[in-house]
Every structure is written in C-alpha cells, then in structure tokens.
Amino acid sequence: MVEPLLCSTGKSVRLVKADGGYDRRKVRDLAKKRNIDLLVPPPKNACIRGIYSERDTAISVIRGLGGDKSARSLWGKLTGYNYRVLVETAFSRLKRLFGPFLFSRTFDRQLVESRLKCLMLNEMIRVS
C-alpha cells in the first residue's frame, strides 16, 4: 500500500514519518526514487549496511546516545519523529469518541462523514 499512497500525494511531499513497520528495502527504494525523505526508526537489532545513509545515521545516533529506550526517545525528539505521536493521539481520540468504523457505504459519503467527525472533534477541543 505504500506505493499507491506515495503516488497519490503529488510532488509536494518531501518527508514521510512512519513507524518501524515501514523500515523495508522496497519502501526506502520507493522513497528515494520519488525524492522523499523517510523518517522511520530502525529496529533495535538493526545493523549498519551502508545502503541507506539516513537509516545508518539513525542507527549510529541511537547507539551513540546509549542504544536504550531513552536513546530512541531522544532520537525521536532530535529528528522531529516524536510529532508523529500527536497524529496517533488525534486518531485515537477520534475513534474513542465516534467508534472505529464508518457508517456510510459509498466513498463519497465516507468522505463527508469523516470530515463531519473531524469538524465535531475540533469544535469539542475548541470549546473545552
């Protein structure tokens, strides 16, 4: 699903932040081909391969900071990866309030339903 997502974004996307599940050779090759920076945390047992410089740099920085959980957290703050958590929090809040499913069956109506839910959530946040 990465290729259709990246292809549908247009040329304005320059940075993609994704979780460790996207630390794959195909994903990195596709991002490089489309000239997109990919910010993905490497796995705990990752090895420096010399193929992808941003991945090798992340591994080196995390190891240099101690290689533990706090080092990974600090790496996230230094690179801006920690802002991805804000998006996850927003989606979690949306799903807790409105449920994990859409009631509409057609795509156009699902778009309207999703936008209405987001508008209602934003209004709730603004009021509180």
Protein backbone atom coordinates (compact mmCIF):
# COMPACT_ATOMS: atom_id res chain seq x y z
CA MET A 1 0.00 0.00 0.00
CA VAL A 2 2.98 2.36 0.28
CA GLU A 3 3.36 2.88 -3.45
CA PRO A 4 -0.29 3.92 -4.08
CA LEU A 5 -0.15 6.23 -1.06
CA LEU A 6 3.04 7.94 -2.18
CA CYS A 7 1.84 8.17 -5.77
CA SER A 8 -1.41 9.82 -4.72
CA THR A 9 0.29 12.55 -2.66
CA GLY A 10 1.74 14.53 -5.52
CA LYS A 11 5.16 16.13 -5.61
CA SER A 12 4.69 18.41 -2.61
CA VAL A 13 5.53 15.70 -0.04
CA ARG A 14 9.19 15.83 0.94
CA LEU A 15 9.16 13.96 4.27
CA VAL A 16 7.27 10.87 5.41
CA LYS A 17 7.26 9.82 9.05
CA ALA A 18 6.24 6.21 9.59
CA ASP A 19 6.56 3.55 12.25
CA GLY A 20 9.10 0.75 12.24
CA GLY A 21 6.90 -1.47 10.09
CA TYR A 22 7.94 0.65 7.10
CA ASP A 23 11.66 0.02 7.60
CA ARG A 24 11.83 -2.11 4.47
CA ARG A 25 14.07 -2.03 1.43
CA LYS A 26 11.16 -1.61 -1.03
CA VAL A 27 9.77 1.34 0.93
CA ARG A 28 13.17 3.04 1.16
CA ASP A 29 13.86 2.47 -2.55
CA LEU A 30 10.47 3.91 -3.48
CA ALA A 31 11.01 6.96 -1.26
CA LYS A 32 14.45 7.52 -2.76
CA LYS A 33 13.02 7.19 -6.29
CA ARG A 34 10.37 9.83 -5.52
CA ASN A 35 12.93 12.09 -3.78
CA ILE A 36 11.18 11.80 -0.40
CA ASP A 37 12.98 11.75 2.94
CA LEU A 38 11.83 8.81 5.01
CA LEU A 39 11.95 9.12 8.80
CA VAL A 40 11.49 5.62 10.19
CA PRO A 41 13.01 4.32 13.42
CA PRO A 42 15.29 1.36 12.82
CA PRO A 43 14.65 -1.86 14.75
CA LYS A 44 16.54 -2.39 17.99
CA ASN A 45 18.79 -5.00 16.40
CA ALA A 46 19.45 -3.03 13.17
CA CYS A 47 22.84 -3.24 11.51
CA ILE A 48 24.60 -0.53 9.54
CA ARG A 49 24.58 -1.66 5.92
CA GLY A 50 25.94 1.33 4.05
CA ILE A 51 22.99 1.31 1.64
CA TYR A 52 20.69 3.96 3.12
CA SER A 53 22.53 6.85 4.72
CA GLU A 54 19.56 8.19 6.75
CA ARG A 55 18.94 4.75 8.25
CA ASP A 56 22.63 4.25 9.07
CA THR A 57 22.76 7.72 10.61
CA ALA A 58 19.74 6.95 12.79
CA ILE A 59 21.35 3.70 13.97
CA SER A 60 24.61 5.50 14.75
CA VAL A 61 22.90 8.31 16.63
CA ILE A 62 20.76 5.94 18.70
CA ARG A 63 23.81 3.83 19.55
CA GLY A 64 25.80 6.97 20.35
CA LEU A 65 23.10 8.09 22.77
CA GLY A 66 23.26 4.77 24.62
CA GLY A 67 21.15 2.46 22.47
CA ASP A 68 18.41 2.06 25.08
CA LYS A 69 14.77 3.17 25.18
CA SER A 70 15.64 6.69 26.32
CA ALA A 71 18.16 6.98 23.46
CA ARG A 72 15.44 6.11 20.95
CA SER A 73 13.14 8.66 22.59
CA LEU A 74 15.84 11.32 22.39
CA TRP A 75 16.48 10.45 18.74
CA GLY A 76 12.77 10.98 18.11
CA LYS A 77 12.90 14.43 19.68
CA LEU A 78 16.06 15.41 17.80
CA THR A 79 14.67 14.38 14.42
CA GLY A 80 11.06 15.50 14.91
CA TYR A 81 9.80 11.91 14.75
CA ASN A 82 8.01 12.44 18.08
CA TYR A 83 5.42 14.69 16.37
CA ARG A 84 4.02 11.53 14.76
CA VAL A 85 2.67 10.64 18.19
CA LEU A 86 0.39 13.69 18.06
CA VAL A 87 -1.26 12.31 14.92
CA GLU A 88 -1.74 8.91 16.57
CA THR A 89 -3.27 10.61 19.61
CA ALA A 90 -5.70 12.54 17.42
CA PHE A 91 -6.84 9.38 15.63
CA SER A 92 -7.16 7.54 18.94
CA ARG A 93 -9.36 10.32 20.31
CA LEU A 94 -11.46 10.33 17.15
CA LYS A 95 -12.01 6.55 17.33
CA ARG A 96 -12.86 6.61 21.04
CA LEU A 97 -15.50 9.27 20.50
CA PHE A 98 -17.08 8.08 17.27
CA GLY A 99 -16.08 4.42 17.04
CA PRO A 100 -13.62 2.70 14.72
CA PHE A 101 -15.99 2.28 11.77
CA LEU A 102 -17.74 4.48 9.23
CA PHE A 103 -21.48 4.05 8.82
CA SER A 104 -21.57 5.26 5.21
CA ARG A 105 -21.05 2.70 2.47
CA THR A 106 -20.04 4.79 -0.55
CA PHE A 107 -16.67 6.50 -0.68
CA ASP A 108 -18.11 9.99 -1.27
CA ARG A 109 -20.35 9.67 1.77
CA GLN A 110 -17.47 8.28 3.83
CA LEU A 111 -15.51 11.43 2.99
CA VAL A 112 -18.37 13.61 4.20
CA GLU A 113 -18.81 11.51 7.36
CA SER A 114 -15.08 11.67 8.13
CA ARG A 115 -14.95 15.44 7.62
CA LEU A 116 -18.00 15.96 9.83
CA LYS A 117 -16.47 13.86 12.60
CA CYS A 118 -13.25 15.87 12.38
CA LEU A 119 -15.18 19.14 12.47
CA MET A 120 -17.11 17.98 15.54
CA LEU A 121 -13.91 16.87 17.27
CA ASN A 122 -12.25 20.20 16.53
CA GLU A 123 -15.28 22.04 17.89
CA MET A 124 -15.17 19.96 21.08
CA ILE A 125 -11.49 20.72 21.55
CA ARG A 126 -12.04 24.44 20.87
CA VAL A 127 -14.85 24.71 23.40
CA SER A 128 -13.09 22.86 26.21
